[in-house]
Each structure stands twice: as C-alpha cells, then as structure tokens.
C-alpha cells in the first residue's frame, strides 16, 4: 500500500437479502485529497460511507486504514483511529452552545462519561479541541451561541466542526451542502478547499458543480456497482457515466458535462 493511501476498500459488498446495496467495491482514498462519490439515488453512496465509519458491517470484503484491517472493529474504534463522519441531515444538539456541541464530539475521541448535563468543556484538552474545531470552520464568533439560534448554513458548518473536534485524519462527509442556497454552498466549498490540504476527505454530494470543483478523484456508483474512478475530466468524458448518471439529469446538467 502506497504511503499516501490512508483508507482502502477491497471487494467491499453489502447485501440485504437479495438486494445488493454495494457489490465488490475496491477503492483507495489518499491523504490531502478530496475524493468525491456520486451516483443516482440508491447507488450505494451512503451505504459506502456507513461502512467506512463502521456503522455498517460488510457482507463481504475488507476495509483497511493505513494498512491495518478495520472492518471488524466497533464503530467507536473507528473514531479513535481518526475516521470522522457527518450525515445528510443536520446532526447537532440544538439546545446547547456551539462550543458544547464540539466538546461532546471531542469526548468521543478522548473518552470519558457521556452526559449532556455535565459540561463537556470542563476538561482542558476537550475544550481546546472544541475551540480549534470552531475556528477551523469560521465559527469562533458563535462559540457561546445556542446551536438552535444559528442559521441553517452555520449549523452545517457546526456539524463539520463537530467532526473536526474528534481530531480525525479522514473526513467522511454526506451531502454537507444539502438544502443550502448559493452563498451558503460557496462558504462550504471554500472551507472544504482548505480542509483537503490537511485531511483525506470522502465527499458524497448531489451538487455537481461543487463536486467537480472540489474533487481530486471522483468515483461514480450505479446500482451498487463501481463504474469509474478518475479525475473529473476522465469521469466527465466517460460514456458509461453520461448514460448511467449524468445523462439522467436535466438538460442543463447534460450540457455541463458534455
């Protein structure tokens, strides 16, 4: 395994009865790169992320982190190894501050008793991780703001900060721009451009303009199968992709990838 490959799947499959959510997927994710994953609804994108973070166990195949097999580990051990995951729907604690949200997440990495009624940032190590994560996403001025009082775009930034608070080396991001307007999406795009200088990022996103702009490598899935992995230009030029995925979009989307 090359030194810059930090996460790898080998013949990874997930079946539910006769339904093949993912079938024989072998991929490599590299340090300091953003690897986009696209495909129609039901292609297996979220299933892939759920296996990469340990939430789902493969039916067959393997996952390796820095050369060590990890697919048999408990989900919390994935977090301890530095694999962080965000979700399609905003997954924050709305009733506490942004700092406390990040501190709760930091506890998952550092360990300790999980209790919303005890201040998570009493521990200096946890507090510093939480403050640094908020600064990384540009929310340092929202440190003591109740999460529910922030805008939708800020809540999505906060969710990324919560992942960063676990001190990951890999970020698994599931549609962080879902439901955003253009201005909010641009803030996330610029944030991800900065973060990929430091982290391996695996990004599932339906915003094709964003995924084309951000991806160093791009994988296309269809019906649980791997169609192609390559540069954005290679993927855009592939006739299978145009037929199976991009060709299914509206006419203006077809023109963008022609």
Protein backbone atom coordinates (compact mmCIF):
# COMPACT_ATOMS: atom_id res chain seq x y z
CA UNK A 1 0.00 0.00 0.00
CA UNK A 2 1.41 3.41 -1.02
CA UNK A 3 2.26 5.71 1.86
CA UNK A 4 -0.35 8.31 0.91
CA UNK A 5 -3.23 5.80 0.85
CA UNK A 6 -4.91 6.19 4.23
CA UNK A 7 -8.15 4.30 3.61
CA UNK A 8 -8.82 1.42 1.23
CA UNK A 9 -11.64 -0.98 0.41
CA UNK A 10 -11.12 -4.40 -1.12
CA UNK A 11 -14.05 -6.19 -2.81
CA UNK A 12 -16.43 -4.49 -0.38
CA UNK A 13 -20.05 -5.67 -0.59
CA UNK A 14 -23.24 -5.11 1.40
CA UNK A 15 -26.38 -7.20 0.76
CA UNK A 16 -29.78 -7.14 2.41
CA UNK A 17 -31.34 -10.40 1.37
CA UNK A 18 -31.26 -10.39 -2.41
CA UNK A 19 -30.68 -6.63 -2.61
CA UNK A 20 -27.11 -5.63 -3.41
CA UNK A 21 -26.58 -2.19 -1.90
CA UNK A 22 -22.87 -2.38 -2.78
CA UNK A 23 -21.21 -5.02 -4.88
CA UNK A 24 -17.46 -5.70 -5.00
CA UNK A 25 -16.19 -2.14 -4.46
CA UNK A 26 -12.40 -1.61 -4.37
CA UNK A 27 -11.30 1.98 -3.81
CA UNK A 28 -8.31 3.90 -2.46
CA UNK A 29 -8.55 7.20 -0.62
CA UNK A 30 -5.42 9.33 -0.33
CA UNK A 31 -4.12 11.80 2.21
CA UNK A 32 -4.63 15.50 1.45
CA UNK A 33 -7.09 14.77 -1.34
CA UNK A 34 -10.82 15.16 -1.70
CA UNK A 35 -12.39 12.05 -3.21
CA UNK A 36 -15.91 12.70 -4.48
CA UNK A 37 -18.52 9.94 -4.72
CA UNK A 38 -21.55 10.45 -6.96
CA UNK A 39 -24.35 8.37 -8.42
CA UNK A 40 -28.14 8.23 -8.73
CA UNK A 41 -30.35 7.75 -5.69
CA UNK A 42 -29.91 4.20 -4.44
CA UNK A 43 -26.44 3.87 -5.97
CA UNK A 44 -24.92 2.92 -2.59
CA UNK A 45 -23.16 6.17 -1.66
CA UNK A 46 -24.41 6.48 1.92
CA UNK A 47 -24.02 2.73 2.41
CA UNK A 48 -20.36 3.12 1.47
CA UNK A 49 -19.85 5.93 4.00
CA UNK A 50 -21.67 3.95 6.68
CA UNK A 51 -19.26 1.06 6.19
CA UNK A 52 -16.19 3.30 6.05
CA UNK A 53 -17.08 4.69 9.50
CA UNK A 54 -18.01 1.30 10.99
CA UNK A 55 -21.75 1.89 11.37
CA UNK A 56 -22.49 -0.94 8.93
CA UNK A 57 -20.51 -4.16 8.69
CA UNK A 58 -19.73 -5.51 5.22
CA UNK A 59 -21.38 -8.66 3.96
CA UNK A 60 -18.00 -9.44 2.41
CA UNK A 61 -14.75 -7.68 1.61
CA UNK A 62 -12.35 -5.64 3.72
CA UNK A 63 -11.58 -2.08 4.82
CA UNK A 64 -8.01 -1.02 5.61
CA UNK A 65 -6.85 2.06 7.48
CA UNK A 66 -3.16 2.80 7.00
CA UNK A 67 -2.60 -0.82 6.06
CA UNK A 68 -4.47 -2.35 9.01
CA UNK A 69 -7.77 -4.14 8.56
CA UNK A 70 -10.55 -2.36 10.49
CA UNK A 71 -13.91 -3.61 9.19
CA UNK A 72 -14.29 -5.94 12.18
CA UNK A 73 -13.85 -3.13 14.73
CA UNK A 74 -16.58 -1.45 16.80
CA UNK A 75 -17.71 1.98 15.46
CA UNK A 76 -16.15 3.88 18.39
CA UNK A 77 -12.78 2.40 17.47
CA UNK A 78 -13.12 3.94 14.01
CA UNK A 79 -13.45 7.33 15.74
CA UNK A 80 -10.39 6.62 17.87
CA UNK A 81 -8.45 5.80 14.69
CA UNK A 82 -9.31 9.25 13.32
CA UNK A 83 -12.21 8.48 11.00
CA UNK A 84 -14.90 11.17 11.33
CA UNK A 85 -18.37 11.12 9.76
CA UNK A 86 -21.06 13.72 9.07
CA UNK A 87 -24.60 12.97 7.93
CA UNK A 88 -27.14 14.09 5.30
CA UNK A 89 -29.42 15.63 7.90
CA UNK A 90 -28.11 18.14 10.40
CA UNK A 91 -26.97 16.15 13.43
CA UNK A 92 -26.36 18.67 16.19
CA UNK A 93 -27.52 19.19 19.79
CA UNK A 94 -29.72 22.28 19.29
CA UNK A 95 -30.28 23.10 22.96
CA UNK A 96 -26.60 23.69 23.89
CA UNK A 97 -23.91 26.05 22.65
CA UNK A 98 -21.75 25.52 19.61
CA UNK A 99 -18.76 25.01 21.92
CA UNK A 100 -20.61 22.36 23.89
CA UNK A 101 -21.63 20.59 20.66
CA UNK A 102 -17.98 20.32 19.68
CA UNK A 103 -16.93 19.34 23.19
CA UNK A 104 -19.45 16.48 23.20
CA UNK A 105 -17.93 15.25 19.93
CA UNK A 106 -14.39 15.62 21.27
CA UNK A 107 -15.32 13.32 24.16
CA UNK A 108 -15.86 10.53 21.63
CA UNK A 109 -12.18 10.68 20.75
CA UNK A 110 -10.72 11.29 24.18
CA UNK A 111 -13.10 9.07 26.10
CA UNK A 112 -14.98 9.86 29.28
CA UNK A 113 -18.52 9.79 30.59
CA UNK A 114 -21.16 10.99 28.09
CA UNK A 115 -23.57 13.24 29.94
CA UNK A 116 -25.26 16.31 28.48
CA UNK A 117 -25.85 17.67 31.97
CA UNK A 118 -22.15 17.82 32.77
CA UNK A 119 -20.08 20.47 30.98
CA UNK A 120 -18.12 18.79 28.21
CA UNK A 121 -15.54 21.57 28.12
CA UNK A 122 -14.50 21.32 31.74
CA UNK A 123 -11.59 19.22 30.58
CA UNK A 124 -8.93 21.48 29.07
CA UNK A 125 -7.96 19.01 26.37
CA UNK A 126 -11.56 18.68 25.22
CA UNK A 127 -12.13 22.43 25.37
CA UNK A 128 -9.09 23.19 23.23
CA UNK A 129 -10.13 20.63 20.62
CA UNK A 130 -13.63 22.16 20.54
CA UNK A 131 -12.37 25.73 20.21
CA UNK A 132 -9.91 24.80 17.50
CA UNK A 133 -12.63 22.99 15.53
CA UNK A 134 -14.92 26.03 15.64
CA UNK A 135 -12.06 28.24 14.45
CA UNK A 136 -11.33 25.87 11.56
CA UNK A 137 -14.83 26.30 10.16
CA UNK A 138 -15.05 30.04 10.86
CA UNK A 139 -17.48 29.87 13.79
CA UNK A 140 -15.27 31.30 16.53
CA UNK A 141 -17.75 34.16 16.99
CA UNK A 142 -20.51 31.61 17.66
CA UNK A 143 -18.69 29.81 20.47
CA UNK A 144 -21.27 30.63 23.14
CA UNK A 145 -24.32 30.81 20.84
CA UNK A 146 -27.02 28.19 21.33
CA UNK A 147 -26.86 25.96 18.25
CA UNK A 148 -30.59 26.32 17.51
CA UNK A 149 -30.11 30.09 17.21
CA UNK A 150 -27.61 29.83 14.36
CA UNK A 151 -28.56 29.85 10.67
CA UNK A 152 -29.00 26.64 8.69
CA UNK A 153 -25.69 27.20 6.91
CA UNK A 154 -23.92 27.75 10.22
CA UNK A 155 -25.45 24.56 11.58
CA UNK A 156 -23.93 22.62 8.67
CA UNK A 157 -20.59 24.29 9.40
CA UNK A 158 -21.03 23.34 13.05
CA UNK A 159 -21.59 19.72 12.07
CA UNK A 160 -18.26 19.72 10.22
CA UNK A 161 -16.67 21.34 13.28
CA UNK A 162 -18.06 18.51 15.42
CA UNK A 163 -16.30 16.02 13.17
CA UNK A 164 -13.07 18.04 13.35
CA UNK A 165 -13.30 18.11 17.16
CA UNK A 166 -12.66 14.36 17.19
CA UNK A 167 -9.21 15.17 15.72
CA UNK A 168 -9.66 13.00 12.62
CA UNK A 169 -7.29 12.29 9.77
CA UNK A 170 -10.19 11.27 7.49
CA UNK A 171 -13.46 13.18 6.97
CA UNK A 172 -16.46 11.29 5.59
CA UNK A 173 -18.99 13.95 4.56
CA UNK A 174 -22.51 13.09 3.41
CA UNK A 175 -24.08 15.96 1.45
CA UNK A 176 -22.85 18.87 3.58
CA UNK A 177 -24.42 21.34 1.11
CA UNK A 178 -27.89 19.76 1.09
CA UNK A 179 -30.62 22.39 1.31
CA UNK A 180 -28.24 25.34 1.01
CA UNK A 181 -28.50 28.41 -1.15
CA UNK A 182 -25.68 29.51 -3.44
CA UNK A 183 -23.94 31.79 -0.93
CA UNK A 184 -24.02 29.20 1.85
CA UNK A 185 -22.77 26.49 -0.51
CA UNK A 186 -19.86 28.68 -1.57
CA UNK A 187 -18.79 29.03 2.06
CA UNK A 188 -18.73 25.25 2.42
CA UNK A 189 -16.84 24.85 -0.87
CA UNK A 190 -14.15 27.29 0.29
CA UNK A 191 -13.99 25.54 3.66
CA UNK A 192 -13.50 22.14 2.03
CA UNK A 193 -10.79 23.52 -0.24
CA UNK A 194 -8.85 24.48 2.88
CA UNK A 195 -9.59 21.27 4.78
CA UNK A 196 -8.41 18.99 1.97
CA UNK A 197 -4.93 20.50 2.33
CA UNK A 198 -4.75 18.71 5.68
CA UNK A 199 -7.20 15.79 5.58
CA UNK A 200 -8.30 12.91 3.42
CA UNK A 201 -11.91 13.81 2.57
CA UNK A 202 -14.51 11.46 1.13
CA UNK A 203 -17.42 13.60 -0.08
CA UNK A 204 -20.88 12.43 -1.17
CA UNK A 205 -22.69 15.36 -2.76
CA UNK A 206 -25.50 15.93 -5.26
CA UNK A 207 -24.31 19.43 -6.19
CA UNK A 208 -22.42 18.52 -9.36
CA UNK A 209 -20.82 21.94 -9.80
CA UNK A 210 -19.41 21.67 -6.28
CA UNK A 211 -18.21 18.08 -6.67
CA UNK A 212 -16.48 18.91 -9.96
CA UNK A 213 -14.80 21.94 -8.43
CA UNK A 214 -13.60 20.15 -5.31
CA UNK A 215 -12.68 16.59 -6.33
CA UNK A 216 -9.11 15.44 -6.89
CA UNK A 217 -10.50 11.97 -7.60
CA UNK A 218 -14.10 11.15 -8.43
CA UNK A 219 -15.91 7.81 -8.15
CA UNK A 220 -19.23 7.06 -9.84
CA UNK A 221 -21.50 4.34 -8.43
CA UNK A 222 -24.62 2.95 -10.07
CA UNK A 223 -26.94 0.31 -8.59
CA UNK A 224 -24.28 -0.60 -6.05
CA UNK A 225 -21.61 -1.12 -8.70
CA UNK A 226 -18.43 0.80 -9.39
CA UNK A 227 -18.48 2.47 -12.81
CA UNK A 228 -15.29 4.52 -12.81
CA UNK A 229 -12.77 6.32 -10.62
CA UNK A 230 -10.58 9.01 -12.10
CA UNK A 231 -10.02 12.72 -12.42
CA UNK A 232 -13.02 14.95 -13.02
CA UNK A 233 -12.12 15.26 -16.71
CA UNK A 234 -11.81 11.49 -17.07
CA UNK A 235 -15.18 10.92 -15.42
CA UNK A 236 -16.94 13.62 -17.42
CA UNK A 237 -15.67 12.08 -20.66
CA UNK A 238 -16.71 8.52 -19.84
CA UNK A 239 -19.73 7.39 -21.93
CA UNK A 240 -20.95 4.96 -19.22
CA UNK A 241 -21.18 7.82 -16.76
CA UNK A 242 -23.15 10.02 -19.13
CA UNK A 243 -25.61 7.21 -19.78
CA UNK A 244 -25.96 5.84 -16.24
CA UNK A 245 -25.81 9.01 -14.17
CA UNK A 246 -25.10 12.35 -15.72
CA UNK A 247 -27.37 11.61 -18.67
CA UNK A 248 -30.26 11.14 -16.26
CA UNK A 249 -30.02 14.74 -15.08
CA UNK A 250 -31.89 17.66 -16.57
CA UNK A 251 -30.80 19.01 -19.94
CA UNK A 252 -28.71 21.81 -18.45
CA UNK A 253 -26.79 19.28 -16.37
CA UNK A 254 -26.11 17.25 -19.50
CA UNK A 255 -24.62 20.31 -21.16
CA UNK A 256 -22.30 20.91 -18.19
CA UNK A 257 -20.64 17.52 -18.56
CA UNK A 258 -20.57 17.31 -22.34
